[in-house]
Structure formats: C-alpha cells, structure tokens
N, C-alpha and C. Protein backbone atom coordinates (compact mmCIF):
# COMPACT_ATOMS: atom_id res chain seq x y z
N MET A 1 0.95 -1.26 0.09
CA MET A 1 0.19 0.00 0.37
C MET A 1 0.73 1.49 0.02
N ALA A 2 1.77 1.37 1.19
CA ALA A 2 2.75 2.55 0.90
C ALA A 2 3.50 2.87 -0.26
N LYS A 3 3.97 1.57 -1.15
CA LYS A 3 4.74 1.83 -2.00
C LYS A 3 3.83 2.39 -3.17
N THR A 4 2.51 2.01 -3.60
CA THR A 4 1.29 2.42 -4.32
C THR A 4 1.14 3.74 -4.00
N LEU A 5 1.20 4.12 -2.76
CA LEU A 5 0.90 5.58 -2.33
C LEU A 5 1.95 6.35 -2.68
N ALA A 6 3.07 6.24 -2.54
CA ALA A 6 4.35 6.73 -3.01
C ALA A 6 4.53 6.81 -4.51
N ALA A 7 3.95 5.68 -5.58
CA ALA A 7 4.17 5.90 -6.83
C ALA A 7 3.15 6.53 -7.19
N ASN A 8 1.78 6.83 -6.76
CA ASN A 8 1.11 7.82 -6.93
C ASN A 8 1.47 9.38 -6.95
N ARG A 9 2.18 9.23 -5.62
CA ARG A 9 2.44 10.69 -5.66
C ARG A 9 3.29 11.38 -6.52
N ILE A 10 4.38 10.07 -6.92
CA ILE A 10 5.50 10.52 -7.59
C ILE A 10 4.81 10.92 -9.06
N ALA A 11 3.72 10.14 -9.61
CA ALA A 11 3.33 10.05 -10.95
C ALA A 11 2.55 11.27 -10.88
N GLU A 12 1.51 11.73 -9.72
CA GLU A 12 1.03 13.28 -9.91
C GLU A 12 2.03 14.28 -10.00
N ARG A 13 3.34 14.33 -9.26
CA ARG A 13 4.05 15.53 -9.18
C ARG A 13 4.60 15.29 -10.77
N LYS A 14 4.87 14.07 -11.29
CA LYS A 14 5.45 14.44 -12.82
C LYS A 14 4.68 15.19 -13.66
N LEU A 15 3.32 14.76 -13.66
CA LEU A 15 2.14 15.51 -14.40
C LEU A 15 2.04 16.68 -14.06
N ARG A 16 1.72 17.17 -12.80
CA ARG A 16 2.14 18.77 -12.30
C ARG A 16 3.38 19.25 -13.30
N ASP A 17 4.22 18.63 -12.80
CA ASP A 17 5.57 19.43 -13.51
C ASP A 17 5.71 19.55 -15.07
N LYS A 18 5.05 18.41 -15.64
CA LYS A 18 4.59 18.66 -17.01
C LYS A 18 3.68 19.48 -17.54
N GLN A 19 2.75 19.85 -16.68
CA GLN A 19 1.92 20.43 -16.98
C GLN A 19 2.18 21.96 -16.86
N ALA A 20 3.09 22.48 -15.75
CA ALA A 20 3.97 23.65 -15.69
C ALA A 20 4.95 24.04 -16.73
N ARG A 21 5.58 23.13 -16.98
CA ARG A 21 6.60 23.13 -18.22
C ARG A 21 5.61 23.73 -19.76
N ARG A 22 4.86 22.73 -19.88
CA ARG A 22 3.77 22.97 -20.82
C ARG A 22 3.10 24.53 -20.93
N ALA A 23 2.55 24.90 -19.76
CA ALA A 23 2.01 26.55 -19.50
C ALA A 23 3.24 27.40 -19.57
N GLN A 24 4.30 27.38 -19.11
CA GLN A 24 5.59 28.15 -19.37
C GLN A 24 6.09 28.26 -20.65
N ILE A 25 6.16 27.11 -21.59
CA ILE A 25 6.52 27.18 -22.57
C ILE A 25 5.12 28.02 -23.68
N ILE A 26 4.10 27.85 -23.75
CA ILE A 26 2.73 28.69 -24.07
C ILE A 26 3.08 30.02 -23.80
N SER A 27 3.17 30.11 -22.26
CA SER A 27 3.28 31.90 -21.63
C SER A 27 4.69 32.28 -22.68
N ALA A 28 5.45 31.79 -23.02
CA ALA A 28 6.75 32.33 -23.17
C ALA A 28 6.55 32.57 -24.83
N ALA A 29 5.80 31.69 -25.38
CA ALA A 29 5.48 32.08 -26.95
C ALA A 29 5.04 33.27 -27.06
N ARG A 30 3.48 33.43 -26.31
CA ARG A 30 2.79 34.44 -26.23
C ARG A 30 3.53 35.88 -25.99
N ARG A 31 4.42 35.52 -25.12
CA ARG A 31 5.17 36.96 -24.67
C ARG A 31 6.51 37.33 -25.88
N ILE A 32 6.93 36.54 -26.32
CA ILE A 32 7.84 36.50 -27.56
C ILE A 32 6.83 37.39 -28.48
N ALA A 33 5.78 36.58 -29.12
CA ALA A 33 4.77 37.06 -30.25
C ALA A 33 4.83 38.38 -30.02
N GLU A 34 3.76 38.83 -29.03
CA GLU A 34 2.94 39.89 -28.78
C GLU A 34 3.99 41.18 -28.95
N LEU A 35 5.42 40.85 -28.34
CA LEU A 35 6.77 41.90 -28.21
C LEU A 35 7.56 41.71 -29.63
N GLU A 36 7.91 40.93 -30.73
CA GLU A 36 8.71 40.70 -31.94
C GLU A 36 7.85 39.97 -32.84
N GLY A 37 6.53 39.88 -32.65
CA GLY A 37 5.91 38.89 -33.88
C GLY A 37 5.98 37.46 -33.71
N TRP A 38 5.47 36.45 -34.29
CA TRP A 38 5.45 35.15 -34.49
C TRP A 38 6.78 34.82 -35.05
N SER A 39 7.45 35.18 -35.99
CA SER A 39 8.27 34.91 -37.03
C SER A 39 9.63 34.71 -35.88
N ASN A 40 9.64 35.43 -34.90
CA ASN A 40 10.82 35.11 -33.69
C ASN A 40 10.37 34.35 -32.67
N VAL A 41 9.37 33.47 -32.70
CA VAL A 41 8.69 32.30 -31.79
C VAL A 41 9.54 31.21 -32.59
N THR A 42 10.80 30.57 -32.11
CA THR A 42 11.34 29.75 -32.75
C THR A 42 11.60 28.77 -31.58
N VAL A 43 11.86 27.16 -31.93
CA VAL A 43 12.17 26.26 -30.71
C VAL A 43 13.61 26.75 -29.55
N ARG A 44 14.04 27.49 -31.24
CA ARG A 44 15.65 27.81 -30.09
C ARG A 44 15.64 28.76 -29.25
N ARG A 45 14.22 29.78 -29.79
CA ARG A 45 14.73 31.23 -29.02
C ARG A 45 13.84 30.75 -27.82
N LEU A 46 12.71 30.00 -27.98
CA LEU A 46 12.01 29.83 -26.92
C LEU A 46 12.90 28.60 -25.94
N SER A 47 13.90 28.02 -26.02
CA SER A 47 14.45 27.00 -25.46
C SER A 47 15.73 27.78 -24.72
N ASP A 48 16.14 28.79 -25.66
CA ASP A 48 16.95 30.09 -24.60
C ASP A 48 16.19 31.10 -23.64
N GLU A 49 14.85 31.52 -23.81
CA GLU A 49 14.03 32.30 -23.25
C GLU A 49 13.93 31.41 -22.30
N ILE A 50 13.42 30.40 -21.94
CA ILE A 50 12.89 29.43 -20.64
C ILE A 50 14.17 28.38 -19.96
N SER A 51 15.24 28.61 -20.60
CA SER A 51 16.12 27.67 -20.28
C SER A 51 15.51 25.79 -20.27
N TYR A 52 14.86 25.39 -20.95
CA TYR A 52 14.53 24.22 -21.20
C TYR A 52 15.22 23.75 -22.66
N SER A 53 16.02 22.29 -22.74
CA SER A 53 16.70 22.24 -24.07
C SER A 53 15.54 21.88 -25.19
N GLN A 54 15.94 21.90 -26.17
CA GLN A 54 15.05 21.60 -27.63
C GLN A 54 14.16 20.62 -27.47
N PRO A 55 15.05 19.27 -27.01
CA PRO A 55 14.66 18.20 -26.80
C PRO A 55 13.30 18.31 -25.86
N VAL A 56 13.20 19.05 -24.87
CA VAL A 56 11.80 18.89 -23.94
C VAL A 56 11.07 19.55 -24.75
N LEU A 57 11.30 20.78 -25.31
CA LEU A 57 10.16 21.54 -25.93
C LEU A 57 9.42 20.62 -27.05
N TYR A 58 10.27 19.87 -27.90
CA TYR A 58 9.84 18.63 -28.80
C TYR A 58 8.91 17.60 -28.05
N ALA A 59 9.52 17.53 -26.87
CA ALA A 59 8.65 16.09 -26.31
C ALA A 59 7.35 16.43 -25.90
N HIS A 60 7.23 17.67 -25.60
CA HIS A 60 5.62 18.48 -25.25
C HIS A 60 4.71 18.57 -26.21
N PHE A 61 5.18 19.20 -27.60
CA PHE A 61 4.62 19.58 -28.64
C PHE A 61 4.85 18.99 -29.78
N GLY A 62 6.23 18.32 -29.98
CA GLY A 62 6.28 17.72 -31.41
C GLY A 62 7.05 18.50 -32.16
N SER A 63 6.56 19.83 -32.25
CA SER A 63 6.90 20.78 -33.40
C SER A 63 6.76 22.45 -33.07
N ARG A 64 7.36 23.34 -33.56
CA ARG A 64 7.16 24.71 -33.63
C ARG A 64 5.71 25.05 -34.08
N GLU A 65 4.87 24.06 -34.91
CA GLU A 65 3.28 24.07 -35.09
C GLU A 65 2.83 23.86 -34.12
N GLY A 66 3.10 22.98 -33.47
CA GLY A 66 2.38 22.31 -32.22
C GLY A 66 2.29 23.37 -31.15
N ILE A 67 3.21 23.87 -30.96
CA ILE A 67 3.39 24.98 -30.15
C ILE A 67 2.38 26.09 -29.84
N LEU A 68 2.40 26.72 -31.56
CA LEU A 68 1.62 27.21 -31.75
C LEU A 68 -0.13 27.38 -31.99
N ALA A 69 -0.25 25.73 -31.82
CA ALA A 69 -1.70 25.23 -32.08
C ALA A 69 -2.27 25.42 -30.84
N ALA A 70 -1.21 24.95 -29.81
CA ALA A 70 -1.53 25.28 -28.15
C ALA A 70 -1.77 26.44 -27.90
N VAL A 71 -1.13 27.43 -28.43
CA VAL A 71 -1.49 28.60 -27.88
C VAL A 71 -2.96 29.62 -28.99
N ALA A 72 -2.69 28.99 -29.70
CA ALA A 72 -3.96 28.88 -30.67
C ALA A 72 -5.74 28.53 -29.73
N ILE A 73 -5.31 27.34 -29.07
CA ILE A 73 -6.38 26.24 -28.59
C ILE A 73 -6.43 27.17 -27.53
N GLU A 74 -5.52 27.93 -26.45
CA GLU A 74 -5.88 28.73 -25.59
C GLU A 74 -6.49 29.73 -25.49
N GLY A 75 -6.00 30.36 -27.00
CA GLY A 75 -6.71 31.74 -27.25
C GLY A 75 -8.11 31.64 -27.57
N PHE A 76 -8.57 30.42 -28.17
CA PHE A 76 -9.98 30.22 -27.78
C PHE A 76 -10.84 30.14 -26.92
N GLN A 77 -10.27 29.54 -26.05
CA GLN A 77 -10.26 29.38 -24.65
C GLN A 77 -10.88 30.44 -24.00
N GLU A 78 -10.05 31.47 -23.88
CA GLU A 78 -9.85 32.74 -23.46
C GLU A 78 -11.02 33.32 -24.36
N LEU A 79 -11.08 33.79 -25.57
CA LEU A 79 -12.23 34.01 -26.27
C LEU A 79 -13.66 33.77 -25.75
N GLY A 80 -13.78 32.45 -25.49
CA GLY A 80 -15.03 31.88 -25.20
C GLY A 80 -15.35 32.36 -23.95
N LEU A 81 -14.47 32.62 -22.86
CA LEU A 81 -14.65 32.92 -21.60
C LEU A 81 -15.28 34.63 -21.93
N ALA A 82 -14.49 35.20 -22.59
CA ALA A 82 -14.67 36.77 -22.56
C ALA A 82 -16.53 36.59 -23.21
N LEU A 83 -16.81 36.07 -24.46
CA LEU A 83 -17.87 35.94 -24.99
C LEU A 83 -18.89 35.79 -24.08
N LYS A 84 -18.99 34.39 -23.23
CA LYS A 84 -19.83 34.11 -22.02
C LYS A 84 -19.98 35.32 -21.12
N LYS A 85 -18.64 35.72 -20.77
CA LYS A 85 -18.86 36.82 -19.63
C LYS A 85 -20.04 38.01 -20.43
N ALA A 86 -19.64 38.30 -21.47
CA ALA A 86 -20.26 39.72 -21.99
C ALA A 86 -21.83 39.31 -22.58
N ARG A 87 -22.38 37.98 -22.62
CA ARG A 87 -23.74 37.52 -23.06
C ARG A 87 -24.23 37.45 -21.61
N LYS A 88 -23.69 36.97 -20.42
CA LYS A 88 -24.11 36.54 -19.19
C LYS A 88 -24.64 37.94 -18.55
N ARG A 89 -23.56 38.73 -18.81
CA ARG A 89 -23.98 40.35 -17.92
C ARG A 89 -24.98 41.34 -18.58
N VAL A 90 -25.65 40.96 -19.68
CA VAL A 90 -26.76 41.75 -20.10
C VAL A 90 -28.37 41.19 -19.77
N LYS A 91 -28.53 42.18 -18.97
CA LYS A 91 -29.87 41.81 -18.29
C LYS A 91 -31.01 42.63 -18.88
N ARG A 92 -31.09 43.40 -19.60
CA ARG A 92 -31.99 44.19 -20.34
C ARG A 92 -31.52 44.88 -21.57
N GLY A 93 -30.09 45.02 -21.98
CA GLY A 93 -29.56 45.57 -23.19
C GLY A 93 -29.53 44.14 -24.11
N ASN A 94 -29.02 44.69 -25.19
CA ASN A 94 -28.90 43.89 -26.24
C ASN A 94 -27.58 42.72 -26.17
N ALA A 95 -27.68 41.53 -26.13
CA ALA A 95 -26.91 40.53 -26.20
C ALA A 95 -25.98 40.60 -27.22
N VAL A 96 -26.42 40.77 -28.35
CA VAL A 96 -25.70 40.66 -29.33
C VAL A 96 -24.72 41.64 -29.56
N GLU A 97 -24.98 42.98 -29.00
CA GLU A 97 -24.11 44.13 -29.20
C GLU A 97 -22.93 44.04 -28.00
N SER A 98 -23.22 43.11 -26.81
CA SER A 98 -22.20 43.10 -26.30
C SER A 98 -21.16 42.17 -26.31
N VAL A 99 -21.90 40.78 -27.05
CA VAL A 99 -21.04 40.12 -27.42
C VAL A 99 -19.86 40.57 -28.53
N ALA A 100 -20.75 41.18 -29.66
CA ALA A 100 -19.84 42.02 -30.67
C ALA A 100 -18.54 42.73 -29.79
N ALA A 101 -19.08 43.52 -28.95
CA ALA A 101 -18.09 44.60 -28.50
C ALA A 101 -16.96 43.89 -27.69
N ALA A 102 -17.10 42.63 -27.09
CA ALA A 102 -16.25 41.75 -26.56
C ALA A 102 -15.50 40.91 -27.53
N TYR A 103 -15.96 40.76 -28.43
CA TYR A 103 -15.35 40.23 -30.02
C TYR A 103 -14.27 41.31 -30.04
N LEU A 104 -14.42 42.20 -30.48
CA LEU A 104 -13.92 42.94 -30.96
C LEU A 104 -12.61 43.56 -29.88
N GLU A 105 -13.05 43.77 -28.52
CA GLU A 105 -12.02 44.18 -27.81
C GLU A 105 -11.02 43.13 -27.61
N PHE A 106 -11.51 41.60 -27.64
CA PHE A 106 -10.57 40.93 -27.93
C PHE A 106 -9.31 40.53 -28.77
N ALA A 107 -9.72 40.94 -30.16
CA ALA A 107 -8.88 41.09 -30.94
C ALA A 107 -8.15 42.12 -31.06
N ALA A 108 -8.42 43.18 -30.40
CA ALA A 108 -7.81 44.46 -30.32
C ALA A 108 -6.92 44.57 -29.41
N SER A 109 -7.08 44.24 -28.28
CA SER A 109 -6.23 43.87 -26.90
C SER A 109 -4.85 42.74 -26.82
N SER A 110 -5.58 41.61 -28.09
CA SER A 110 -4.44 40.71 -28.36
C SER A 110 -4.20 40.42 -29.15
N PRO A 111 -3.86 41.02 -30.27
CA PRO A 111 -3.14 41.12 -31.32
C PRO A 111 -2.42 40.13 -31.86
N ALA A 112 -1.53 39.53 -31.33
CA ALA A 112 -0.78 38.24 -31.62
C ALA A 112 -1.37 37.18 -31.42
N LEU A 113 -2.18 36.99 -30.39
CA LEU A 113 -2.98 35.81 -30.28
C LEU A 113 -3.98 35.65 -30.84
N TYR A 114 -4.55 36.63 -31.34
CA TYR A 114 -5.71 36.76 -32.57
C TYR A 114 -5.37 36.31 -33.68
N GLU A 115 -3.85 36.72 -34.12
CA GLU A 115 -3.52 36.02 -35.24
C GLU A 115 -3.10 34.86 -35.89
N VAL A 116 -2.55 34.47 -34.41
CA VAL A 116 -2.22 32.89 -34.22
C VAL A 116 -3.51 31.89 -34.51
N MET A 117 -4.42 32.58 -34.14
CA MET A 117 -5.62 31.77 -33.73
C MET A 117 -6.24 31.40 -35.19
N PHE A 118 -6.21 32.58 -35.81
CA PHE A 118 -6.80 32.97 -37.38
C PHE A 118 -6.24 33.00 -38.64
N SER A 119 -4.93 33.64 -38.25
CA SER A 119 -4.26 34.05 -39.59
C SER A 119 -3.16 33.19 -40.10
N LEU A 120 -2.67 32.46 -39.17
CA LEU A 120 -1.68 31.37 -39.20
C LEU A 120 -1.84 30.33 -40.07
N SER A 121 -1.16 29.48 -40.61
CA SER A 121 -1.52 28.34 -41.25
C SER A 121 -1.28 26.85 -40.40
N LEU A 122 -2.15 26.66 -39.33
CA LEU A 122 -2.18 25.79 -38.61
C LEU A 122 -2.84 24.48 -38.88
N SER A 123 -2.84 23.59 -38.48
CA SER A 123 -3.84 22.38 -38.64
C SER A 123 -4.54 22.32 -37.41
N VAL A 124 -5.44 23.46 -37.05
CA VAL A 124 -6.45 22.95 -36.08
C VAL A 124 -7.32 22.81 -36.99
N PRO A 125 -8.55 21.78 -36.50
CA PRO A 125 -9.49 21.37 -37.22
C PRO A 125 -10.80 22.19 -36.80
N PHE A 126 -11.53 22.53 -37.89
CA PHE A 126 -12.52 23.68 -36.88
C PHE A 126 -13.96 23.02 -37.92
N ASP A 127 -14.97 22.61 -36.74
CA ASP A 127 -16.24 21.85 -37.35
C ASP A 127 -16.30 20.53 -37.94
N GLU A 128 -15.16 19.90 -36.78
CA GLU A 128 -14.58 18.27 -37.31
C GLU A 128 -14.96 17.54 -35.94
N ALA A 129 -14.93 16.31 -36.36
CA ALA A 129 -15.15 15.43 -35.06
C ALA A 129 -13.88 15.91 -34.32
N ALA A 130 -12.54 16.08 -34.81
CA ALA A 130 -11.30 16.11 -33.95
C ALA A 130 -11.31 17.74 -33.39
N THR A 131 -12.38 18.37 -33.59
CA THR A 131 -12.11 19.80 -32.77
C THR A 131 -12.07 20.15 -31.73
N PRO A 132 -11.24 21.01 -31.22
CA PRO A 132 -10.77 20.53 -29.63
C PRO A 132 -12.15 21.33 -29.08
N PRO A 133 -12.52 20.96 -27.95
CA PRO A 133 -13.19 21.73 -27.15
C PRO A 133 -13.22 23.55 -26.69
N GLU A 134 -12.07 23.70 -27.00
CA GLU A 134 -11.98 24.99 -26.77
C GLU A 134 -12.56 25.42 -27.75
N LEU A 135 -12.26 24.97 -29.11
CA LEU A 135 -13.28 26.00 -30.19
C LEU A 135 -14.56 25.92 -30.02
N ARG A 136 -15.23 24.67 -29.88
CA ARG A 136 -16.42 24.46 -29.68
C ARG A 136 -17.25 25.26 -28.70
N PHE A 137 -16.21 25.51 -27.57
CA PHE A 137 -17.01 26.60 -26.41
C PHE A 137 -17.15 27.61 -26.90
N ALA A 138 -16.28 28.66 -27.53
CA ALA A 138 -16.10 29.72 -28.12
C ALA A 138 -17.21 29.63 -29.33
N PHE A 139 -17.50 28.92 -29.93
CA PHE A 139 -18.53 28.92 -31.11
C PHE A 139 -20.03 28.82 -30.37
N ALA A 140 -19.75 28.11 -29.51
CA ALA A 140 -21.29 27.99 -28.71
C ALA A 140 -21.72 29.06 -28.23
N GLN A 141 -20.92 30.11 -27.69
CA GLN A 141 -21.33 31.47 -27.25
C GLN A 141 -22.17 32.09 -28.20
N LEU A 142 -21.36 32.31 -29.52
CA LEU A 142 -22.08 32.85 -30.62
C LEU A 142 -23.63 32.35 -30.99
N LEU A 143 -23.37 30.66 -31.20
CA LEU A 143 -24.48 30.16 -31.36
C LEU A 143 -25.89 30.53 -30.46
N GLU A 144 -25.34 30.89 -28.83
CA GLU A 144 -26.50 30.63 -28.06
C GLU A 144 -27.16 32.09 -28.38
N LEU A 145 -26.35 33.02 -28.78
CA LEU A 145 -27.48 34.39 -29.44
C LEU A 145 -28.65 34.24 -30.42
N PHE A 146 -28.17 33.30 -30.83
CA PHE A 146 -29.46 32.94 -31.94
C PHE A 146 -30.01 31.47 -31.64
N GLN A 147 -29.76 30.58 -30.92
CA GLN A 147 -30.84 29.44 -30.35
C GLN A 147 -31.95 29.84 -30.53
N GLY A 148 -33.14 29.38 -31.25
CA GLY A 148 -34.22 29.22 -30.99
C GLY A 148 -35.00 30.53 -31.66
N GLN A 149 -34.28 31.40 -32.32
CA GLN A 149 -34.80 32.43 -33.06
C GLN A 149 -35.18 31.82 -34.64
N ASN A 150 -34.13 31.18 -35.00
CA ASN A 150 -34.29 30.71 -36.37
C ASN A 150 -33.92 29.60 -36.68
N SER A 151 -34.50 28.93 -37.70
CA SER A 151 -34.20 27.39 -38.10
C SER A 151 -32.54 26.87 -38.29
N LYS A 152 -31.73 28.28 -38.97
CA LYS A 152 -30.82 28.42 -39.61
C LYS A 152 -29.87 29.03 -38.50
N SER A 153 -30.07 28.60 -37.67
CA SER A 153 -28.95 29.42 -36.26
C SER A 153 -27.36 29.39 -36.32
N GLU A 154 -27.65 28.30 -37.11
CA GLU A 154 -25.84 27.60 -37.04
C GLU A 154 -25.07 28.48 -38.30
N VAL A 155 -26.19 28.65 -39.14
CA VAL A 155 -25.41 29.42 -40.65
C VAL A 155 -25.48 31.21 -40.08
N ILE A 156 -26.30 31.51 -39.21
CA ILE A 156 -26.48 33.12 -38.74
C ILE A 156 -25.26 33.20 -37.86
N SER A 157 -24.98 32.03 -37.06
CA SER A 157 -24.00 32.50 -36.30
C SER A 157 -22.45 32.67 -36.78
N GLU A 158 -22.35 31.26 -37.70
CA GLU A 158 -21.19 31.59 -38.65
C GLU A 158 -21.08 32.89 -39.20
N LEU A 159 -22.39 33.71 -39.91
CA LEU A 159 -22.21 34.86 -40.74
C LEU A 159 -21.80 35.86 -39.84
N PHE A 160 -22.20 35.70 -38.51
CA PHE A 160 -22.03 36.44 -37.75
C PHE A 160 -20.94 36.65 -36.94
N TRP A 161 -20.04 35.67 -37.08
CA TRP A 161 -18.78 35.35 -36.56
C TRP A 161 -17.90 35.93 -37.83
N ALA A 162 -18.19 35.79 -39.00
CA ALA A 162 -17.59 36.33 -40.07
C ALA A 162 -17.44 37.64 -40.36
N SER A 163 -18.58 38.28 -39.89
CA SER A 163 -18.54 39.82 -39.78
C SER A 163 -17.95 40.53 -38.76
N LEU A 164 -17.84 39.67 -37.60
CA LEU A 164 -16.74 40.34 -36.65
C LEU A 164 -15.52 39.84 -36.73
N HIS A 165 -15.03 38.70 -37.44
CA HIS A 165 -13.72 38.62 -37.96
C HIS A 165 -12.91 39.72 -39.03
N GLY A 166 -13.94 39.81 -39.79
CA GLY A 166 -13.67 40.93 -41.05
C GLY A 166 -13.51 42.15 -40.30
N ILE A 167 -14.27 42.78 -39.57
CA ILE A 167 -14.35 43.73 -38.88
C ILE A 167 -12.94 44.05 -38.06
N ALA A 168 -12.55 42.68 -37.01
CA ALA A 168 -11.62 42.66 -36.35
C ALA A 168 -10.16 42.53 -37.27
N GLU A 169 -10.15 42.03 -38.47
CA GLU A 169 -8.64 41.96 -39.37
C GLU A 169 -8.67 43.33 -40.03
N LEU A 170 -9.93 43.78 -40.69
CA LEU A 170 -9.48 45.21 -41.35
C LEU A 170 -9.46 46.24 -40.51
N THR A 171 -9.32 46.07 -39.41
CA THR A 171 -9.10 47.47 -38.44
C THR A 171 -7.86 47.16 -38.02
N ARG A 172 -7.38 46.05 -37.49
CA ARG A 172 -6.29 45.57 -37.43
C ARG A 172 -5.19 45.88 -38.68
N THR A 173 -5.23 45.49 -39.60
CA THR A 173 -4.53 45.68 -40.58
C THR A 173 -4.61 47.54 -41.29
N LYS A 174 -5.39 48.19 -40.50
CA LYS A 174 -5.79 49.59 -40.71
C LYS A 174 -6.21 49.61 -42.40
N ARG A 175 -6.91 48.77 -42.31
CA ARG A 175 -7.87 49.00 -43.69
C ARG A 175 -9.12 49.63 -43.30
N PHE A 176 -9.97 49.74 -42.06
CA PHE A 176 -10.86 50.10 -41.81
C PHE A 176 -10.20 51.16 -40.56
N PRO A 177 -10.67 52.47 -40.84
CA PRO A 177 -10.17 53.32 -39.86
C PRO A 177 -11.09 53.22 -38.55
N ARG A 178 -10.48 53.35 -37.59
CA ARG A 178 -10.69 53.16 -36.13
C ARG A 178 -12.01 54.08 -35.88
N SER A 179 -12.03 55.11 -36.26
CA SER A 179 -13.16 56.19 -36.10
C SER A 179 -14.43 56.03 -36.36
N ARG A 180 -14.69 54.83 -37.12
CA ARG A 180 -15.93 54.70 -37.55
C ARG A 180 -16.29 53.13 -36.70
N GLN A 181 -15.59 52.69 -36.04
CA GLN A 181 -15.72 51.51 -35.44
C GLN A 181 -17.44 51.48 -34.44
N LYS A 182 -17.73 52.04 -33.75
CA LYS A 182 -18.81 52.32 -32.99
C LYS A 182 -19.88 52.05 -34.13
N GLU A 183 -20.02 53.03 -35.42
CA GLU A 183 -21.03 52.77 -35.99
C GLU A 183 -20.93 51.63 -36.72
N ARG A 184 -19.76 51.06 -37.15
CA ARG A 184 -19.90 49.59 -37.65
C ARG A 184 -20.60 48.70 -36.76
N VAL A 185 -20.28 48.68 -35.21
CA VAL A 185 -21.08 47.99 -34.71
C VAL A 185 -22.63 48.07 -34.42
N ARG A 186 -22.80 49.06 -34.01
CA ARG A 186 -24.39 49.51 -34.31
C ARG A 186 -25.08 48.93 -35.48
N ALA A 187 -24.18 49.18 -36.78
CA ALA A 187 -25.02 48.67 -37.83
C ALA A 187 -24.73 47.15 -37.76
N LEU A 188 -23.87 46.26 -37.23
CA LEU A 188 -23.83 44.99 -37.36
C LEU A 188 -24.66 44.36 -36.35
N VAL A 189 -25.21 45.29 -35.28
CA VAL A 189 -26.11 44.49 -34.24
C VAL A 189 -27.26 44.72 -34.95
N GLU A 190 -27.63 45.74 -35.46
CA GLU A 190 -29.05 45.79 -36.51
C GLU A 190 -29.38 44.89 -37.02
N LEU A 191 -28.50 44.43 -38.19
CA LEU A 191 -28.44 43.23 -39.20
C LEU A 191 -28.84 42.18 -38.61
N PHE A 192 -28.10 42.00 -37.12
CA PHE A 192 -28.40 40.57 -36.39
C PHE A 192 -29.17 40.49 -35.18
N THR A 193 -29.87 41.48 -35.00
CA THR A 193 -30.90 41.31 -33.77
C THR A 193 -32.34 40.67 -34.66
N PHE A 194 -32.73 39.67 -34.10
CA PHE A 194 -34.12 39.53 -34.92
C PHE A 194 -35.05 39.35 -33.54
N PRO A 195 -36.65 39.89 -33.93
CA PRO A 195 -37.34 39.82 -33.01
C PRO A 195 -37.93 37.98 -32.91
N ARG A 196 -37.80 37.76 -31.72
CA ARG A 196 -38.56 36.32 -31.74
C ARG A 196 -39.46 35.65 -32.20
N ASP A 197 -40.32 36.48 -32.04
CA ASP A 197 -41.77 35.82 -32.30
C ASP A 197 -42.20 36.02 -34.08
N GLU A 198 -41.48 36.95 -34.74
CA GLU A 198 -41.44 36.90 -35.79
C GLU A 198 -40.67 35.79 -36.81
N THR A 199 -39.63 35.74 -36.11
CA THR A 199 -38.58 34.72 -36.27
C THR A 199 -39.18 33.05 -36.31
N ALA A 200 -39.91 33.23 -35.14
CA ALA A 200 -40.57 31.82 -35.03
C ALA A 200 -41.54 31.64 -35.71
N GLN A 201 -42.11 32.33 -36.13
CA GLN A 201 -43.36 32.42 -36.92
C GLN A 201 -42.99 31.93 -38.53
N ALA A 202 -41.97 32.91 -38.42
CA ALA A 202 -41.56 32.70 -39.92
C ALA A 202 -40.53 31.16 -40.31
N ALA A 203 -40.28 30.95 -39.47
CA ALA A 203 -39.88 29.17 -39.48
C ALA A 203 -40.97 28.20 -39.31
N LYS A 204 -41.97 28.88 -38.60
CA LYS A 204 -43.14 27.78 -38.95
C LYS A 204 -43.92 27.57 -40.36
N VAL A 205 -43.66 28.70 -40.72
CA VAL A 205 -44.04 29.04 -42.19
C VAL A 205 -43.43 28.03 -43.38
N ARG A 206 -42.00 28.22 -42.86
CA ARG A 206 -41.27 27.02 -43.58
C ARG A 206 -41.27 25.98 -43.69
C-alpha cells in the first residue's frame, strides 16, 4: 500500500511538472509574439528564453507548429470566456451588441494571439469530429445568441462570426479607420438582432 501511494504521488508530481512546463512554454511563446511577432517564436528562441533544452520542447509539442497550435487553442478558450461573460452580464440590453463589443475588444487587445488563432496556417480542425473543445466552446457563445430564433441558427452564427472577424482583421491591418468602429458595430447589431416572435413564425411557415 505504501509503495502504491508513493508511486501515485510521484506520478502526480510528474504530471504537475509536465503541465507547468507546458504552460511556461506557451506563456513564453505568447510573450515573444506580442513583443516581436510570430516569426521570432522558434524552438531555439524558446529554449533560450526559458532555459529548457530543445528536446524538452519537442517532447511536449512535437514541433513549432504544435506550440503555436497550443497557443491558438488557449486563445479560443479565453475568447469563449470573454464572450460568455459579455453574454451573461446583459439583463435589459442587447446581448448581440455586448458580445460583438467583447469580440472586437479581444481581437484589438491581443493582436498576436488573435493572429495565431486565425491568420497563421495551423492544422487545428474547425467543425470536425477532432475539433478541440475550446473551439467548440467559443463558437457555442455565438450560437447561444441565435438559438431558438431561427431554423438556421448555426448559419446565422457563422455569418455573425465572419462579420466580426472581418471587422477585426480589417481594423487590425488599418484597412478600416477606427473612427467609425462604433458605427460599424451598431449597424452590425441591427442586422443580427431578430424579433423572436416574427422569426419563430417565419420558421413555422417554412
């Protein structure tokens, strides 16, 4: 019994150490990217930054892309939490407007993180059986806005997401002037705010 307990404690400690190292690597990658861009996030640079050998980094993630994918997945979890908080705090206002503002704020406040989530070529699957739960969680916050309002709630959620992403990217790359951001959000909210009774009736007619 004593040997079993000791073995369990050792296994638990190793798991905690592994999780701590993984978190440290991801944190370092994010820090470098925010300051210097993703091109400077290399296995060698990370190894120097956190004093772990390159084989240790490869053992945790397999490749540089594996590190970036882990950062992206963490970003979707954070985005999902931000959208959920925005959706939940609305009592008498418009949840669509609150979520839209939270999404754009997330993209603007963490540009490097947003870039790795959407703009870099990573093999993170979307809308597949292998899609990570963090991605499903983030999309669920958008889907929740339109559930029960229309028989095509998933498509509407995707179009809303596409609109937010377009605004975020075009603003980030200075194609859209920030001076009209509030006006854009208001117009978008008007387009995606549907009266529940009329929508439900329309769904029945179809």
